[in-house]
Protein backbone atom coordinates (compact mmCIF):
# COMPACT_ATOMS: atom_id res chain seq x y z
CA SER A 1 37.94 121.65 -106.50
CA ARG A 2 34.50 119.41 -106.91
CA ILE A 3 37.01 116.11 -107.03
CA GLY A 4 38.53 116.94 -103.79
CA ARG A 5 34.72 117.84 -101.54
CA ILE A 6 33.67 114.26 -103.45
CA LYS A 7 37.05 112.33 -101.85
CA ARG A 8 36.65 114.41 -98.56
CA SER A 9 32.87 113.38 -98.00
CA ILE A 10 33.77 110.01 -98.94
CA ASN A 11 36.19 109.94 -96.10
CA ASN A 12 33.92 111.17 -94.15
CA PHE A 13 31.34 108.45 -94.79
CA LYS A 14 34.01 105.62 -94.92
CA SER A 15 34.81 107.01 -91.43
CA SER A 16 31.24 107.20 -90.29
CA SER A 17 29.68 103.92 -91.33
CA MET A 18 30.18 100.14 -91.12
CA VAL A 19 28.56 97.68 -93.28
CA ILE A 20 27.31 94.28 -93.12
CA LYS A 21 29.00 91.79 -94.56
CA ASN A 22 29.44 87.76 -93.91
CA LYS A 23 26.70 87.77 -91.71
CA ILE A 24 28.96 90.03 -89.26
CA MET A 25 25.38 92.02 -87.57
CA LYS A 26 26.86 95.74 -87.15
CA VAL A 27 25.16 99.36 -87.92
CA GLN A 28 24.82 100.68 -90.85
CA LYS A 29 24.07 104.05 -91.59
CA GLN A 30 21.96 104.59 -94.78
CA ILE A 31 24.46 106.38 -96.69
CA LEU A 32 23.46 105.40 -100.07
CA HIS A 33 20.23 106.32 -99.36
CA ASN A 34 20.90 109.42 -98.02
CA CYS A 35 22.89 110.49 -100.80
CA LEU A 36 19.85 110.08 -103.63
CA ASP A 37 17.64 111.97 -101.05
CA LYS A 38 19.72 114.52 -100.84
CA ALA A 39 20.42 114.69 -104.39
CA LYS A 40 16.62 114.99 -105.34
CA SER A 41 16.35 117.69 -102.73
CA PHE A 42 18.90 119.85 -104.51
CA TYR A 43 17.62 119.08 -107.56
CA LYS A 44 14.15 120.28 -106.54
CA LEU A 45 15.76 123.65 -104.69
CA GLY A 46 17.58 124.46 -108.02
CA ASP A 47 21.13 123.42 -106.81
CA LYS A 48 22.08 121.06 -109.78
CA ASP A 49 25.98 121.00 -109.08
CA LYS A 50 25.28 120.06 -105.33
CA ALA A 51 22.78 117.27 -106.76
CA ARG A 52 25.53 116.19 -108.96
CA ASP A 53 27.91 115.80 -106.22
CA TYR A 54 25.72 113.63 -104.21
CA CYS A 55 25.36 111.43 -107.04
CA ASP A 56 28.60 111.45 -107.77
CA MET A 57 29.36 110.47 -103.81
CA GLY A 58 27.00 107.72 -104.02
CA ILE A 59 28.66 106.39 -107.27
CA ALA A 60 31.68 106.43 -105.80
CA TRP A 61 30.90 105.00 -102.43
CA VAL A 62 29.54 102.24 -104.60
CA ALA A 63 32.90 101.60 -106.24
CA GLU A 64 34.83 101.49 -102.86
CA LYS A 65 32.54 98.58 -102.32
CA ARG A 66 33.11 96.67 -105.74
CA ILE A 67 37.09 97.42 -104.65
CA GLU A 68 36.22 95.66 -101.64
CA GLY A 69 34.90 92.80 -103.36
CA TYR A 70 31.13 93.53 -103.44
CA GLY A 71 29.31 91.79 -106.68
CA ALA A 72 26.55 93.07 -108.61
CA LYS A 73 23.70 91.16 -106.89
CA ASP A 74 25.05 92.10 -103.23
CA THR A 75 23.11 94.37 -101.11
CA ILE A 76 23.97 97.79 -99.70
CA GLU A 77 21.49 99.10 -97.74
CA ASP A 78 18.75 95.79 -98.39
CA VAL A 79 18.96 97.35 -102.29
CA ARG A 80 21.36 95.21 -104.77
CA VAL A 81 24.64 97.05 -105.53
CA GLU A 82 23.37 97.23 -109.55
CA LEU A 83 20.19 98.76 -108.94
CA TRP A 84 22.06 101.39 -106.85
CA LEU A 85 24.07 102.15 -109.70
CA GLU A 86 20.83 102.41 -111.85
CA ARG A 87 18.88 104.60 -109.92
CA PHE A 88 21.89 107.39 -109.40
CA TRP A 89 23.16 107.53 -113.25
CA MET A 90 19.29 107.60 -114.19
CA PHE A 91 18.74 110.16 -111.87
CA LEU A 92 21.92 112.23 -113.92
CA GLU A 93 20.95 111.01 -117.47
CA ASN A 94 16.95 112.16 -116.81
CA LYS A 95 17.62 115.19 -115.07
CA ASN A 96 20.36 116.47 -117.51
CA LEU A 97 22.99 116.61 -115.19
CA MET A 98 25.58 114.60 -116.91
CA LEU A 99 29.01 116.59 -117.25
């Protein structure tokens, strides 16, 4: 199912990523940039379902960070959390991918 694929993808992202938080320097993969880039690429290729899935993964990943205590003004990958959410939601709305 679509939700199962999204959950598996999030778990894969979680296990392969490290986050910079509380000034502890660690390597951080560009998960959200990758999600947005893949969503755009799949949309251009005409695969709207995969484009939507990648946006959903990005939104879910940010939601996990919010649960962990990140605020709207905190940054992930040098971008504010609130801006990440806006980018994913605007992409979904502008491309008519909302379900």
